[in-house]
C-alpha atoms as a PDB file:
ATOM      1  CA  MET A   1       2.104 -15.037  26.805  1.00  0.00           C
ATOM      2  CA  ALA A   2       5.296 -14.824  28.887  1.00  0.00           C
ATOM      3  CA  LEU A   3       7.656 -11.971  28.223  1.00  0.00           C
ATOM      4  CA  LYS A   4      10.898 -12.743  26.415  1.00  0.00           C
ATOM      5  CA  THR A   5      13.278 -12.700  29.353  1.00  0.00           C
ATOM      6  CA  HIS A   6      17.049 -12.984  28.868  1.00  0.00           C
ATOM      7  CA  LEU A   7      19.627 -13.533  31.580  1.00  0.00           C
ATOM      8  CA  LEU A   8      23.138 -12.162  31.044  1.00  0.00           C
ATOM      9  CA  VAL A   9      25.737 -13.460  33.524  1.00  0.00           C
ATOM     10  CA  ILE A  10      29.118 -11.770  33.542  1.00  0.00           C
ATOM     11  CA  ASP A  11      32.232 -13.852  34.312  1.00  0.00           C
ATOM     12  CA  PRO A  12      30.856 -16.251  36.970  1.00  0.00           C
ATOM     13  CA  GLN A  13      34.193 -18.114  37.077  1.00  0.00           C
ATOM     14  CA  ASN A  14      36.119 -19.898  39.779  1.00  0.00           C
ATOM     15  CA  ASP A  15      38.997 -17.431  39.763  1.00  0.00           C
ATOM     16  CA  PHE A  16      36.638 -14.662  40.915  1.00  0.00           C
ATOM     17  CA  MET A  17      34.945 -16.730  43.624  1.00  0.00           C
ATOM     18  CA  ASP A  18      35.781 -16.357  47.353  1.00  0.00           C
ATOM     19  CA  ILE A  19      35.660 -20.125  47.773  1.00  0.00           C
ATOM     20  CA  PRO A  20      36.942 -21.359  51.160  1.00  0.00           C
ATOM     21  CA  GLU A  21      40.088 -23.459  50.764  1.00  0.00           C
ATOM     22  CA  ALA A  22      38.488 -26.475  52.405  1.00  0.00           C
ATOM     23  CA  ALA A  23      35.660 -26.348  49.883  1.00  0.00           C
ATOM     24  CA  VAL A  24      38.100 -26.235  46.977  1.00  0.00           C
ATOM     25  CA  ASP A  25      39.997 -29.207  48.368  1.00  0.00           C
ATOM     26  CA  SER A  26      36.750 -31.170  48.557  1.00  0.00           C
ATOM     27  CA  GLN A  27      35.990 -30.380  44.920  1.00  0.00           C
ATOM     28  CA  VAL A  28      39.440 -31.250  43.606  1.00  0.00           C
ATOM     29  CA  GLN A  29      40.824 -33.898  45.907  1.00  0.00           C
ATOM     30  CA  GLY A  30      44.542 -34.378  46.073  1.00  0.00           C
ATOM     31  CA  GLU A  31      45.500 -31.332  44.045  1.00  0.00           C
ATOM     32  CA  GLY A  32      46.249 -29.058  46.992  1.00  0.00           C
ATOM     33  CA  PRO A  33      47.124 -25.406  46.491  1.00  0.00           C
ATOM     34  CA  ARG A  34      47.028 -25.389  42.706  1.00  0.00           C
ATOM     35  CA  PHE A  35      43.287 -24.914  42.909  1.00  0.00           C
ATOM     36  CA  ARG A  36      42.840 -21.524  44.518  1.00  0.00           C
ATOM     37  CA  SER A  37      40.861 -18.595  43.177  1.00  0.00           C
ATOM     38  CA  ALA A  38      43.387 -16.180  41.690  1.00  0.00           C
ATOM     39  CA  LEU A  39      41.366 -13.011  42.106  1.00  0.00           C
ATOM     40  CA  PRO A  40      38.558 -13.662  44.627  1.00  0.00           C
ATOM     41  CA  VAL A  41      35.864 -11.028  44.982  1.00  0.00           C
ATOM     42  CA  PRO A  42      34.444 -10.958  48.509  1.00  0.00           C
ATOM     43  CA  GLY A  43      30.794 -12.017  48.317  1.00  0.00           C
ATOM     44  CA  ALA A  44      31.004 -13.530  44.832  1.00  0.00           C
ATOM     45  CA  LEU A  45      30.278 -17.117  45.841  1.00  0.00           C
ATOM     46  CA  ALA A  46      27.116 -16.127  47.726  1.00  0.00           C
ATOM     47  CA  ASP A  47      26.138 -13.919  44.763  1.00  0.00           C
ATOM     48  CA  MET A  48      26.261 -16.877  42.422  1.00  0.00           C
ATOM     49  CA  GLU A  49      24.443 -19.132  44.880  1.00  0.00           C
ATOM     50  CA  ARG A  50      21.575 -16.618  44.967  1.00  0.00           C
ATOM     51  CA  LEU A  51      21.629 -16.469  41.156  1.00  0.00           C
ATOM     52  CA  ALA A  52      21.494 -20.256  40.884  1.00  0.00           C
ATOM     53  CA  THR A  53      18.483 -20.281  43.211  1.00  0.00           C
ATOM     54  CA  MET A  54      16.758 -17.679  41.043  1.00  0.00           C
ATOM     55  CA  ILE A  55      17.378 -19.700  37.881  1.00  0.00           C
ATOM     56  CA  GLY A  56      15.779 -22.684  39.606  1.00  0.00           C
ATOM     57  CA  ARG A  57      12.781 -20.543  40.550  1.00  0.00           C
ATOM     58  CA  ILE A  58      12.115 -18.856  37.191  1.00  0.00           C
ATOM     59  CA  GLY A  59      13.768 -21.273  34.764  1.00  0.00           C
ATOM     60  CA  PRO A  60      10.775 -21.913  32.485  1.00  0.00           C
ATOM     61  CA  ARG A  61      10.308 -18.152  32.128  1.00  0.00           C
ATOM     62  CA  LEU A  62      13.846 -17.594  30.846  1.00  0.00           C
ATOM     63  CA  CYS A  63      13.931 -17.383  27.077  1.00  0.00           C
ATOM     64  CA  ARG A  64      17.732 -17.248  26.702  1.00  0.00           C
ATOM     65  CA  VAL A  65      20.789 -17.377  28.948  1.00  0.00           C
ATOM     66  CA  HIS A  66      24.081 -15.687  27.958  1.00  0.00           C
ATOM     67  CA  VAL A  67      27.234 -16.276  30.023  1.00  0.00           C
ATOM     68  CA  THR A  68      30.469 -14.370  29.441  1.00  0.00           C
ATOM     69  CA  LEU A  69      33.833 -15.969  30.180  1.00  0.00           C
ATOM     70  CA  ASP A  70      36.919 -13.926  30.924  1.00  0.00           C
ATOM     71  CA  SER A  71      39.515 -15.843  28.913  1.00  0.00           C
ATOM     72  CA  HIS A  72      43.216 -15.031  29.169  1.00  0.00           C
ATOM     73  CA  ARG A  73      46.641 -16.291  28.209  1.00  0.00           C
ATOM     74  CA  VAL A  74      49.683 -16.284  30.497  1.00  0.00           C
ATOM     75  CA  ILE A  75      51.286 -13.504  28.455  1.00  0.00           C
ATOM     76  CA  ASP A  76      48.654 -10.798  28.694  1.00  0.00           C
ATOM     77  CA  VAL A  77      48.924  -7.024  28.939  1.00  0.00           C
ATOM     78  CA  ALA A  78      47.326  -7.219  32.403  1.00  0.00           C
ATOM     79  CA  HIS A  79      49.459 -10.108  33.736  1.00  0.00           C
ATOM     80  CA  PRO A  80      52.822  -9.863  35.525  1.00  0.00           C
ATOM     81  CA  ALA A  81      54.890 -11.779  32.965  1.00  0.00           C
ATOM     82  CA  PHE A  82      54.159  -9.183  30.253  1.00  0.00           C
ATOM     83  CA  TRP A  83      56.113  -6.423  32.081  1.00  0.00           C
ATOM     84  CA  ARG A  84      59.625  -5.837  33.420  1.00  0.00           C
ATOM     85  CA  ASP A  85      61.165  -3.012  35.477  1.00  0.00           C
ATOM     86  CA  GLY A  86      64.644  -1.548  35.090  1.00  0.00           C
ATOM     87  CA  ASP A  87      66.133  -4.495  36.969  1.00  0.00           C
ATOM     88  CA  GLY A  88      64.367  -7.066  34.801  1.00  0.00           C
ATOM     89  CA  LEU A  89      61.850  -8.000  37.486  1.00  0.00           C
ATOM     90  CA  GLN A  90      58.270  -8.637  36.507  1.00  0.00           C
ATOM     91  CA  ALA A  91      55.458  -6.391  37.651  1.00  0.00           C
ATOM     92  CA  PRO A  92      53.848  -7.506  40.946  1.00  0.00           C
ATOM     93  CA  PRO A  93      50.084  -8.038  40.887  1.00  0.00           C
ATOM     94  CA  PHE A  94      48.052  -4.869  41.449  1.00  0.00           C
ATOM     95  CA  THR A  95      50.735  -2.637  39.897  1.00  0.00           C
ATOM     96  CA  MET A  96      49.150   0.273  37.994  1.00  0.00           C
ATOM     97  CA  ILE A  97      51.027   1.270  34.843  1.00  0.00           C
ATOM     98  CA  THR A  98      50.515   4.712  33.338  1.00  0.00           C
ATOM     99  CA  HIS A  99      51.578   6.140  29.987  1.00  0.00           C
ATOM    100  CA  ALA A 100      54.289   8.061  31.846  1.00  0.00           C
ATOM    101  CA  ASP A 101      55.598   4.790  33.329  1.00  0.00           C
ATOM    102  CA  VAL A 102      55.994   3.299  29.876  1.00  0.00           C
ATOM    103  CA  SER A 103      57.512   6.486  28.469  1.00  0.00           C
ATOM    104  CA  SER A 104      60.095   6.682  31.242  1.00  0.00           C
ATOM    105  CA  GLY A 105      60.981   3.010  31.156  1.00  0.00           C
ATOM    106  CA  THR A 106      59.725   2.412  34.729  1.00  0.00           C
ATOM    107  CA  TRP A 107      57.801  -0.462  33.187  1.00  0.00           C
ATOM    108  CA  THR A 108      58.672  -2.006  29.826  1.00  0.00           C
ATOM    109  CA  PRO A 109      57.082  -4.834  27.888  1.00  0.00           C
ATOM    110  CA  ARG A 110      59.157  -7.990  28.172  1.00  0.00           C
ATOM    111  CA  ASN A 111      59.282  -8.075  24.374  1.00  0.00           C
ATOM    112  CA  PRO A 112      60.916  -4.753  23.414  1.00  0.00           C
ATOM    113  CA  GLU A 113      59.148  -4.842  20.038  1.00  0.00           C
ATOM    114  CA  TRP A 114      55.897  -4.155  21.941  1.00  0.00           C
ATOM    115  CA  ARG A 115      57.016  -0.876  23.511  1.00  0.00           C
ATOM    116  CA  GLY A 116      55.581   1.356  20.793  1.00  0.00           C
ATOM    117  CA  ARG A 117      52.301  -0.468  20.904  1.00  0.00           C
ATOM    118  CA  MET A 118      52.119  -0.058  24.694  1.00  0.00           C
ATOM    119  CA  LEU A 119      52.894   3.652  24.418  1.00  0.00           C
ATOM    120  CA  ASP A 120      49.953   3.986  22.089  1.00  0.00           C
ATOM    121  CA  TYR A 121      47.762   1.731  24.204  1.00  0.00           C
ATOM    122  CA  THR A 122      48.325   3.533  27.522  1.00  0.00           C
ATOM    123  CA  ALA A 123      47.908   6.898  25.826  1.00  0.00           C
ATOM    124  CA  GLU A 124      44.558   5.790  24.406  1.00  0.00           C
ATOM    125  CA  LEU A 125      43.397   4.517  27.800  1.00  0.00           C
ATOM    126  CA  GLU A 126      44.136   7.878  29.350  1.00  0.00           C
ATOM    127  CA  ARG A 127      42.627   9.856  26.468  1.00  0.00           C
ATOM    128  CA  ALA A 128      39.419   7.872  26.756  1.00  0.00           C
ATOM    129  CA  GLY A 129      39.289   8.144  30.563  1.00  0.00           C
ATOM    130  CA  ARG A 130      39.441   4.360  31.062  1.00  0.00           C
ATOM    131  CA  PHE A 131      40.833   2.502  34.036  1.00  0.00           C
ATOM    132  CA  VAL A 132      44.576   2.898  34.432  1.00  0.00           C
ATOM    133  CA  LEU A 133      46.225  -0.292  33.184  1.00  0.00           C
ATOM    134  CA  MET A 134      46.226  -2.670  36.153  1.00  0.00           C
ATOM    135  CA  VAL A 135      48.407  -5.732  36.431  1.00  0.00           C
ATOM    136  CA  TRP A 136      46.258  -8.491  37.942  1.00  0.00           C
ATOM    137  CA  PRO A 137      47.352 -11.904  39.157  1.00  0.00           C
ATOM    138  CA  GLU A 138      47.235 -14.461  36.337  1.00  0.00           C
ATOM    139  CA  HIS A 139      43.568 -15.357  36.178  1.00  0.00           C
ATOM    140  CA  CYS A 140      40.988 -17.147  34.044  1.00  0.00           C
ATOM    141  CA  LEU A 141      43.733 -18.879  32.051  1.00  0.00           C
ATOM    142  CA  ILE A 142      42.111 -20.776  29.179  1.00  0.00           C
ATOM    143  CA  GLY A 143      41.818 -24.455  30.080  1.00  0.00           C
ATOM    144  CA  SER A 144      42.394 -23.959  33.787  1.00  0.00           C
ATOM    145  CA  TRP A 145      40.148 -24.685  36.779  1.00  0.00           C
ATOM    146  CA  GLY A 146      39.902 -20.962  37.380  1.00  0.00           C
ATOM    147  CA  HIS A 147      38.406 -20.434  33.920  1.00  0.00           C
ATOM    148  CA  ASN A 148      35.490 -22.754  34.703  1.00  0.00           C
ATOM    149  CA  ILE A 149      32.060 -21.540  35.789  1.00  0.00           C
ATOM    150  CA  VAL A 150      31.587 -21.966  39.547  1.00  0.00           C
ATOM    151  CA  GLU A 151      29.996 -25.339  40.217  1.00  0.00           C
ATOM    152  CA  GLY A 152      26.597 -24.385  41.694  1.00  0.00           C
ATOM    153  CA  LEU A 153      25.792 -21.928  38.894  1.00  0.00           C
ATOM    154  CA  ARG A 154      27.104 -24.314  36.260  1.00  0.00           C
ATOM    155  CA  ASP A 155      24.710 -26.965  37.552  1.00  0.00           C
ATOM    156  CA  ALA A 156      21.788 -24.549  37.550  1.00  0.00           C
ATOM    157  CA  VAL A 157      22.451 -23.480  33.939  1.00  0.00           C
ATOM    158  CA  ALA A 158      22.826 -27.114  32.825  1.00  0.00           C
ATOM    159  CA  LYS A 159      19.514 -28.019  34.521  1.00  0.00           C
ATOM    160  CA  TRP A 160      17.837 -25.081  32.777  1.00  0.00           C
ATOM    161  CA  GLU A 161      19.136 -26.409  29.455  1.00  0.00           C
ATOM    162  CA  ARG A 162      17.867 -29.920  30.123  1.00  0.00           C
ATOM    163  CA  ASP A 163      14.504 -28.886  31.510  1.00  0.00           C
ATOM    164  CA  ASN A 164      13.779 -26.427  28.693  1.00  0.00           C
ATOM    165  CA  CYS A 165      15.546 -28.137  25.759  1.00  0.00           C
ATOM    166  CA  ALA A 166      17.527 -24.933  25.394  1.00  0.00           C
ATOM    167  CA  THR A 167      21.185 -24.030  24.911  1.00  0.00           C
ATOM    168  CA  ALA A 168      23.006 -21.361  26.914  1.00  0.00           C
ATOM    169  CA  GLU A 169      25.284 -19.068  24.945  1.00  0.00           C
ATOM    170  CA  PHE A 170      28.874 -18.818  26.203  1.00  0.00           C
ATOM    171  CA  ILE A 171      30.799 -15.717  25.139  1.00  0.00           C
ATOM    172  CA  THR A 172      34.573 -15.504  25.497  1.00  0.00           C
ATOM    173  CA  LYS A 173      36.387 -12.229  25.972  1.00  0.00           C
ATOM    174  CA  GLY A 174      39.976 -11.287  26.730  1.00  0.00           C
ATOM    175  CA  THR A 175      41.947 -13.585  24.423  1.00  0.00           C
ATOM    176  CA  ASN A 176      43.847 -10.714  22.772  1.00  0.00           C
ATOM    177  CA  THR A 177      47.279 -10.307  24.428  1.00  0.00           C
ATOM    178  CA  PHE A 178      47.478  -6.562  23.892  1.00  0.00           C
ATOM    179  CA  THR A 179      44.259  -5.079  25.245  1.00  0.00           C
ATOM    180  CA  GLU A 180      42.168  -5.363  28.389  1.00  0.00           C
ATOM    181  CA  HIS A 181      38.627  -6.572  27.859  1.00  0.00           C
ATOM    182  CA  TYR A 182      36.449  -5.753  30.869  1.00  0.00           C
ATOM    183  CA  GLY A 183      33.163  -5.251  29.039  1.00  0.00           C
ATOM    184  CA  ALA A 184      31.584  -8.148  27.165  1.00  0.00           C
ATOM    185  CA  LEU A 185      30.724  -6.056  24.136  1.00  0.00           C
ATOM    186  CA  LEU A 186      34.033  -4.332  23.364  1.00  0.00           C
ATOM    187  CA  ALA A 187      37.679  -4.372  24.439  1.00  0.00           C
ATOM    188  CA  GLU A 188      39.068  -1.312  26.225  1.00  0.00           C
ATOM    189  CA  VAL A 189      41.047  -0.444  23.076  1.00  0.00           C
ATOM    190  CA  PRO A 190      39.742  -2.461  20.130  1.00  0.00           C
ATOM    191  CA  ASP A 191      42.312  -3.989  17.766  1.00  0.00           C
ATOM    192  CA  PRO A 192      41.313  -3.302  14.137  1.00  0.00           C
ATOM    193  CA  ALA A 193      42.913  -6.598  13.132  1.00  0.00           C
ATOM    194  CA  ASP A 194      41.039  -8.693  15.738  1.00  0.00           C
ATOM    195  CA  PRO A 195      37.240  -8.978  15.435  1.00  0.00           C
ATOM    196  CA  SER A 196      37.021 -10.476  18.947  1.00  0.00           C
ATOM    197  CA  THR A 197      37.972  -7.054  20.404  1.00  0.00           C
ATOM    198  CA  GLN A 198      35.398  -5.145  18.379  1.00  0.00           C
ATOM    199  CA  LEU A 199      31.742  -4.564  19.103  1.00  0.00           C
ATOM    200  CA  ASN A 200      29.872  -7.841  19.609  1.00  0.00           C
ATOM    201  CA  ARG A 201      26.967  -6.949  17.377  1.00  0.00           C
ATOM    202  CA  ALA A 202      25.440 -10.446  17.651  1.00  0.00           C
ATOM    203  CA  LEU A 203      25.041 -10.099  21.400  1.00  0.00           C
ATOM    204  CA  VAL A 204      23.626  -6.595  21.100  1.00  0.00           C
ATOM    205  CA  SER A 205      21.145  -7.817  18.520  1.00  0.00           C
ATOM    206  CA  ALA A 206      20.103 -10.791  20.669  1.00  0.00           C
ATOM    207  CA  LEU A 207      19.499  -8.545  23.684  1.00  0.00           C
ATOM    208  CA  GLN A 208      17.485  -6.115  21.563  1.00  0.00           C
ATOM    209  CA  GLN A 209      15.030  -8.941  20.926  1.00  0.00           C
ATOM    210  CA  ALA A 210      14.430  -9.398  24.660  1.00  0.00           C
ATOM    211  CA  GLU A 211      11.603  -7.736  26.519  1.00  0.00           C
ATOM    212  CA  ILE A 212      13.385  -8.040  29.888  1.00  0.00           C
ATOM    213  CA  ILE A 213      17.150  -8.377  30.423  1.00  0.00           C
ATOM    214  CA  ALA A 214      18.409  -9.497  33.846  1.00  0.00           C
ATOM    215  CA  ILE A 215      22.129  -8.949  34.492  1.00  0.00           C
ATOM    216  CA  ALA A 216      24.327 -10.433  37.203  1.00  0.00           C
ATOM    217  CA  GLY A 217      27.979 -11.381  37.633  1.00  0.00           C
ATOM    218  CA  GLU A 218      31.388 -10.278  38.768  1.00  0.00           C
ATOM    219  CA  ALA A 219      32.657  -7.791  39.487  1.00  0.00           C
ATOM    220  CA  SER A 220      30.232  -4.889  39.834  1.00  0.00           C
ATOM    221  CA  SER A 221      33.152  -2.436  39.842  1.00  0.00           C
ATOM    222  CA  HIS A 222      34.754  -3.772  36.671  1.00  0.00           C
ATOM    223  CA  CYS A 223      33.327  -6.246  34.166  1.00  0.00           C
ATOM    224  CA  VAL A 224      29.662  -5.800  35.124  1.00  0.00           C
ATOM    225  CA  ALA A 225      29.966  -2.026  35.111  1.00  0.00           C
ATOM    226  CA  ALA A 226      31.839  -2.006  31.800  1.00  0.00           C
ATOM    227  CA  THR A 227      29.424  -4.415  30.147  1.00  0.00           C
ATOM    228  CA  VAL A 228      26.301  -2.557  31.244  1.00  0.00           C
ATOM    229  CA  SER A 229      27.802   0.801  30.242  1.00  0.00           C
ATOM    230  CA  GLN A 230      28.653  -0.578  26.822  1.00  0.00           C
ATOM    231  CA  LEU A 231      25.189  -2.067  26.491  1.00  0.00           C
ATOM    232  CA  VAL A 232      23.532   1.204  27.374  1.00  0.00           C
ATOM    233  CA  GLY A 233      25.696   2.912  24.757  1.00  0.00           C
ATOM    234  CA  HIS A 234      24.888   0.480  21.944  1.00  0.00           C
ATOM    235  CA  ILE A 235      21.503  -1.176  22.494  1.00  0.00           C
ATOM    236  CA  GLY A 236      19.426   1.901  21.692  1.00  0.00           C
ATOM    237  CA  GLU A 237      17.664   4.256  24.092  1.00  0.00           C
ATOM    238  CA  GLN A 238      14.300   2.505  23.630  1.00  0.00           C
ATOM    239  CA  HIS A 239      15.768  -0.691  25.098  1.00  0.00           C
ATOM    240  CA  VAL A 240      17.494   0.717  28.171  1.00  0.00           C
ATOM    241  CA  SER A 241      14.483   0.502  30.497  1.00  0.00           C
ATOM    242  CA  LYS A 242      14.194  -3.292  29.899  1.00  0.00           C
ATOM    243  CA  ILE A 243      17.509  -3.853  31.731  1.00  0.00           C
ATOM    244  CA  HIS A 244      17.253  -5.125  35.319  1.00  0.00           C
ATOM    245  CA  LEU A 245      20.395  -5.317  37.491  1.00  0.00           C
ATOM    246  CA  LEU A 246      20.331  -8.024  40.155  1.00  0.00           C
ATOM    247  CA  THR A 247      22.160  -6.068  42.809  1.00  0.00           C
ATOM    248  CA  ASP A 248      22.457  -9.021  45.224  1.00  0.00           C
ATOM    249  CA  CYS A 249      24.178 -11.091  42.526  1.00  0.00           C
ATOM    250  CA  MET A 250      27.225  -8.863  42.010  1.00  0.00           C
ATOM    251  CA  SER A 251      30.010  -7.552  44.244  1.00  0.00           C
ATOM    252  CA  PRO A 252      32.943  -5.123  43.767  1.00  0.00           C
ATOM    253  CA  VAL A 253      36.668  -5.780  43.726  1.00  0.00           C
ATOM    254  CA  GLN A 254      38.244  -4.611  46.958  1.00  0.00           C
ATOM    255  CA  PRO A 255      40.754  -1.762  46.717  1.00  0.00           C
ATOM    256  CA  THR A 256      44.497  -2.307  47.041  1.00  0.00           C
ATOM    257  CA  PRO A 257      47.089   0.246  48.180  1.00  0.00           C
ATOM    258  CA  GLY A 258      47.104   3.108  45.667  1.00  0.00           C
ATOM    259  CA  SER A 259      44.135   1.800  43.684  1.00  0.00           C
ATOM    260  CA  PRO A 260      40.813   3.605  43.211  1.00  0.00           C
ATOM    261  CA  ASP A 261      38.036   2.931  45.727  1.00  0.00           C
ATOM    262  CA  PHE A 262      36.408   0.169  43.684  1.00  0.00           C
ATOM    263  CA  PRO A 263      33.372  -0.351  45.976  1.00  0.00           C
ATOM    264  CA  ALA A 264      32.631   3.371  45.730  1.00  0.00           C
ATOM    265  CA  LEU A 265      32.920   3.177  41.937  1.00  0.00           C
ATOM    266  CA  ALA A 266      30.469   0.264  41.933  1.00  0.00           C
ATOM    267  CA  ASP A 267      27.986   2.207  44.064  1.00  0.00           C
ATOM    268  CA  GLN A 268      28.266   5.191  41.737  1.00  0.00           C
ATOM    269  CA  PHE A 269      27.742   2.927  38.733  1.00  0.00           C
ATOM    270  CA  LEU A 270      24.472   1.623  40.208  1.00  0.00           C
ATOM    271  CA  ARG A 271      23.290   5.166  40.957  1.00  0.00           C
ATOM    272  CA  ASP A 272      24.154   6.276  37.427  1.00  0.00           C
ATOM    273  CA  MET A 273      22.317   3.342  35.889  1.00  0.00           C
ATOM    274  CA  ALA A 274      19.209   3.973  37.991  1.00  0.00           C
ATOM    275  CA  THR A 275      19.274   7.559  36.742  1.00  0.00           C
ATOM    276  CA  ARG A 276      19.382   6.250  33.169  1.00  0.00           C
ATOM    277  CA  GLY A 277      16.198   4.279  33.782  1.00  0.00           C
ATOM    278  CA  ILE A 278      17.660   0.822  34.471  1.00  0.00           C
ATOM    279  CA  VAL A 279      15.781  -1.180  37.123  1.00  0.00           C
ATOM    280  CA  LEU A 280      17.677  -2.107  40.266  1.00  0.00           C
ATOM    281  CA  THR A 281      16.243  -5.297  41.773  1.00  0.00           C
ATOM    282  CA  THR A 282      17.231  -8.473  43.599  1.00  0.00           C
ATOM    283  CA  SER A 283      17.162 -12.159  42.788  1.00  0.00           C
ATOM    284  CA  ASP A 284      14.283 -12.943  45.139  1.00  0.00           C
ATOM    285  CA  THR A 285      12.002 -10.192  43.819  1.00  0.00           C
ATOM    286  CA  PHE A 286      12.829 -10.443  40.083  1.00  0.00           C
ATOM    287  CA  LEU A 287       9.740 -11.822  38.300  1.00  0.00           C
ATOM    288  CA  ALA A 288       8.231 -12.709  41.697  1.00  0.00           C
END
């Protein structure tokens, strides 16, 4: 009997794909520059092409497919329009905002009623040793082209559904305005009033039923790393060794001036996971 194999794909969305402009224009004719990936990760498109090929190769052996979708609103704690400086100008993309910045008024929420909440939020990020709050370009806006799954992978998942009379599970994350949500299981700072930011026990339970869990997606430095770290922390030690990371189906965010070295963080994440007993593999050798 075939092993119960689950595939977990993290945020395989257009806004993270390094899609050449000409290719976008051919997909969405006549729309011009509106359709551009907001936060392209170098290598992401090729990652998802390899993943689509793997799904085609092993489709009948996949028991379940789970796909997470980064899902944001325009006004979001990690988007420019949320913040203003002393001159009333919004925060440029890739600005990092510390607790000290909020305390001093260097950066202030556009809605002054949110200042106290942001003081608490940034303090909690620092206390927990999370990423410093990063302002990203508006990305994965609900209902936008950038929120959609990249075409080749979308087609592969749909074919798997048709061929196997199965239904992929799509998991949204990031809809809460006031907290970042890198990992699929838990927001960076959960909101007690919002269940969508709290531990996704249903996903943990589903993955506990698997005998093999393959994980791919974007980006290895951020949402993949956060998701896998959360999974290792909540799935139970006896399940950790069933996790397989498809290292050729994930890539890191590139650093910006003043940011951490994200590729180095991704490399360290993979080394740490291997030490924990997670299997590092590739799409062409997985279940070969």
